[in-house]
Amino acid sequence: MAAGQFYAVSWFAQQAAEKALKALYLERNGHLPPRTHDLRFLGAELQVSSAQASDLTILYPTFRAARYPDDSGSAPVDAIREPDATQHLGAARRTLEWIGTEL
């Protein structure tokens, strides 16, 4: 955040949440999770609470937004602003804190 690389903050926040959800899935189910970046789907599979589902919905579009240019051709480095990154980071932190209590 301090370096102003907001797209990177959002990308890493999404990735941390995704990997943590997949770890919890593996722990609970005893097999690898489906190959997906859809945090909402993973949350549904894990039967998360509505508060956790809300955080996953916030993070869901981040994978695509931080990795690929948008329809106007705007690069992720230009498309993701500080308020977005702050929101994504908060959602990821809450997700990781919850998963930490489950593992």
C-alpha atoms as a PDB file:
ATOM      1  CA  MET A   1       0.000   0.000   0.000  1.00  0.00           C
ATOM      2  CA  ALA A   2       2.744   2.443   0.969  1.00  0.00           C
ATOM      3  CA  ALA A   3       4.373   2.008  -2.442  1.00  0.00           C
ATOM      4  CA  GLY A   4       1.121   2.832  -4.224  1.00  0.00           C
ATOM      5  CA  GLN A   5       0.932  -0.542  -5.975  1.00  0.00           C
ATOM      6  CA  PHE A   6      -2.778  -0.913  -5.316  1.00  0.00           C
ATOM      7  CA  TYR A   7      -3.383  -3.507  -8.030  1.00  0.00           C
ATOM      8  CA  ALA A   8      -0.736  -5.716  -6.372  1.00  0.00           C
ATOM      9  CA  VAL A   9      -2.363  -5.310  -2.956  1.00  0.00           C
ATOM     10  CA  SER A  10      -5.702  -6.389  -4.437  1.00  0.00           C
ATOM     11  CA  TRP A  11      -4.139  -9.296  -6.338  1.00  0.00           C
ATOM     12  CA  PHE A  12      -2.293 -10.643  -3.294  1.00  0.00           C
ATOM     13  CA  ALA A  13      -5.351 -10.167  -1.071  1.00  0.00           C
ATOM     14  CA  GLN A  14      -7.472 -12.230  -3.448  1.00  0.00           C
ATOM     15  CA  GLN A  15      -4.780 -14.892  -3.786  1.00  0.00           C
ATOM     16  CA  ALA A  16      -4.333 -15.189  -0.014  1.00  0.00           C
ATOM     17  CA  ALA A  17      -8.070 -15.646   0.490  1.00  0.00           C
ATOM     18  CA  GLU A  18      -8.301 -18.158  -2.351  1.00  0.00           C
ATOM     19  CA  LYS A  19      -5.420 -20.288  -1.083  1.00  0.00           C
ATOM     20  CA  ALA A  20      -6.738 -20.193   2.482  1.00  0.00           C
ATOM     21  CA  LEU A  21     -10.227 -21.252   1.337  1.00  0.00           C
ATOM     22  CA  LYS A  22      -8.710 -24.116  -0.614  1.00  0.00           C
ATOM     23  CA  ALA A  23      -6.699 -25.196   2.438  1.00  0.00           C
ATOM     24  CA  LEU A  24      -9.866 -25.211   4.528  1.00  0.00           C
ATOM     25  CA  TYR A  25     -11.679 -27.151   1.808  1.00  0.00           C
ATOM     26  CA  LEU A  26      -8.910 -29.755   1.802  1.00  0.00           C
ATOM     27  CA  GLU A  27      -8.947 -29.969   5.597  1.00  0.00           C
ATOM     28  CA  ARG A  28     -12.710 -30.436   5.772  1.00  0.00           C
ATOM     29  CA  ASN A  29     -13.211 -32.716   2.782  1.00  0.00           C
ATOM     30  CA  GLY A  30     -10.004 -34.726   2.602  1.00  0.00           C
ATOM     31  CA  HIS A  31      -9.465 -34.057  -1.101  1.00  0.00           C
ATOM     32  CA  LEU A  32      -8.357 -31.244  -3.351  1.00  0.00           C
ATOM     33  CA  PRO A  33     -10.831 -28.443  -4.000  1.00  0.00           C
ATOM     34  CA  PRO A  34     -12.208 -27.773  -7.473  1.00  0.00           C
ATOM     35  CA  ARG A  35      -9.913 -25.821  -9.796  1.00  0.00           C
ATOM     36  CA  THR A  36     -11.473 -22.388  -9.666  1.00  0.00           C
ATOM     37  CA  HIS A  37     -10.734 -18.790  -8.762  1.00  0.00           C
ATOM     38  CA  ASP A  38     -14.393 -18.196  -7.856  1.00  0.00           C
ATOM     39  CA  LEU A  39     -14.307 -17.330  -4.174  1.00  0.00           C
ATOM     40  CA  ARG A  40     -18.098 -17.222  -3.989  1.00  0.00           C
ATOM     41  CA  PHE A  41     -18.275 -20.818  -5.214  1.00  0.00           C
ATOM     42  CA  LEU A  42     -15.641 -21.953  -2.730  1.00  0.00           C
ATOM     43  CA  GLY A  43     -17.510 -20.138   0.038  1.00  0.00           C
ATOM     44  CA  ALA A  44     -20.755 -21.863  -0.907  1.00  0.00           C
ATOM     45  CA  GLU A  45     -18.995 -25.225  -0.911  1.00  0.00           C
ATOM     46  CA  LEU A  46     -17.739 -24.457   2.610  1.00  0.00           C
ATOM     47  CA  GLN A  47     -21.120 -23.114   3.740  1.00  0.00           C
ATOM     48  CA  VAL A  48     -19.697 -19.821   4.980  1.00  0.00           C
ATOM     49  CA  SER A  49     -21.798 -17.318   6.909  1.00  0.00           C
ATOM     50  CA  SER A  50     -23.439 -14.383   5.158  1.00  0.00           C
ATOM     51  CA  ALA A  51     -20.773 -12.023   6.536  1.00  0.00           C
ATOM     52  CA  GLN A  52     -18.006 -14.191   5.119  1.00  0.00           C
ATOM     53  CA  ALA A  53     -19.879 -14.550   1.829  1.00  0.00           C
ATOM     54  CA  SER A  54     -20.057 -10.767   1.631  1.00  0.00           C
ATOM     55  CA  ASP A  55     -16.272 -10.518   1.936  1.00  0.00           C
ATOM     56  CA  LEU A  56     -15.837 -13.170  -0.749  1.00  0.00           C
ATOM     57  CA  THR A  57     -18.171 -11.228  -3.020  1.00  0.00           C
ATOM     58  CA  ILE A  58     -16.005  -8.136  -2.506  1.00  0.00           C
ATOM     59  CA  LEU A  59     -12.900 -10.124  -3.445  1.00  0.00           C
ATOM     60  CA  TYR A  60     -14.453 -12.123  -6.305  1.00  0.00           C
ATOM     61  CA  PRO A  61     -13.871  -9.654  -9.185  1.00  0.00           C
ATOM     62  CA  THR A  62     -10.346  -8.892  -8.009  1.00  0.00           C
ATOM     63  CA  PHE A  63      -8.720 -11.874  -9.733  1.00  0.00           C
ATOM     64  CA  ARG A  64      -9.710 -10.641 -13.159  1.00  0.00           C
ATOM     65  CA  ALA A  65      -9.386  -6.922 -12.390  1.00  0.00           C
ATOM     66  CA  ALA A  66      -5.843  -7.207 -11.046  1.00  0.00           C
ATOM     67  CA  ARG A  67      -4.627  -9.508 -13.776  1.00  0.00           C
ATOM     68  CA  TYR A  68      -6.217  -8.410 -17.045  1.00  0.00           C
ATOM     69  CA  PRO A  69      -6.966  -5.063 -18.724  1.00  0.00           C
ATOM     70  CA  ASP A  70     -10.595  -4.009 -18.525  1.00  0.00           C
ATOM     71  CA  ASP A  71     -12.854  -3.673 -21.565  1.00  0.00           C
ATOM     72  CA  SER A  72     -11.640  -0.129 -22.201  1.00  0.00           C
ATOM     73  CA  GLY A  73      -8.039  -1.360 -22.313  1.00  0.00           C
ATOM     74  CA  SER A  74      -7.140   0.202 -18.971  1.00  0.00           C
ATOM     75  CA  ALA A  75      -4.295  -1.714 -17.322  1.00  0.00           C
ATOM     76  CA  PRO A  76      -4.811  -3.085 -13.791  1.00  0.00           C
ATOM     77  CA  VAL A  77      -2.126  -0.752 -12.487  1.00  0.00           C
ATOM     78  CA  ASP A  78      -4.376   2.141 -13.527  1.00  0.00           C
ATOM     79  CA  ALA A  79      -7.764   0.594 -12.809  1.00  0.00           C
ATOM     80  CA  ILE A  80      -7.436  -0.332  -9.122  1.00  0.00           C
ATOM     81  CA  ARG A  81      -7.324   2.639  -6.779  1.00  0.00           C
ATOM     82  CA  GLU A  82      -6.423   2.949  -3.099  1.00  0.00           C
ATOM     83  CA  PRO A  83     -10.029   2.690  -1.805  1.00  0.00           C
ATOM     84  CA  ASP A  84     -10.469  -0.540  -3.783  1.00  0.00           C
ATOM     85  CA  ALA A  85      -7.222  -2.008  -2.468  1.00  0.00           C
ATOM     86  CA  THR A  86      -8.133  -1.006   1.088  1.00  0.00           C
ATOM     87  CA  GLN A  87     -11.500  -2.733   0.764  1.00  0.00           C
ATOM     88  CA  HIS A  88      -9.930  -5.862  -0.741  1.00  0.00           C
ATOM     89  CA  LEU A  89      -7.265  -6.021   1.941  1.00  0.00           C
ATOM     90  CA  GLY A  90      -9.856  -5.733   4.704  1.00  0.00           C
ATOM     91  CA  ALA A  91     -12.008  -8.478   3.184  1.00  0.00           C
ATOM     92  CA  ALA A  92      -8.998 -10.764   2.840  1.00  0.00           C
ATOM     93  CA  ARG A  93      -7.870 -10.133   6.404  1.00  0.00           C
ATOM     94  CA  ARG A  94     -11.310 -10.969   7.780  1.00  0.00           C
ATOM     95  CA  THR A  95     -11.410 -14.107   5.629  1.00  0.00           C
ATOM     96  CA  LEU A  96      -7.983 -15.252   6.822  1.00  0.00           C
ATOM     97  CA  GLU A  97      -8.843 -14.539  10.458  1.00  0.00           C
ATOM     98  CA  TRP A  98     -11.992 -16.642  10.180  1.00  0.00           C
ATOM     99  CA  ILE A  99     -10.204 -19.489   8.393  1.00  0.00           C
ATOM    100  CA  GLY A 100      -7.521 -19.407  11.065  1.00  0.00           C
ATOM    101  CA  THR A 101     -10.189 -20.235  13.642  1.00  0.00           C
ATOM    102  CA  GLU A 102     -11.417 -23.131  11.499  1.00  0.00           C
ATOM    103  CA  LEU A 103      -8.102 -24.848  10.840  1.00  0.00           C
END
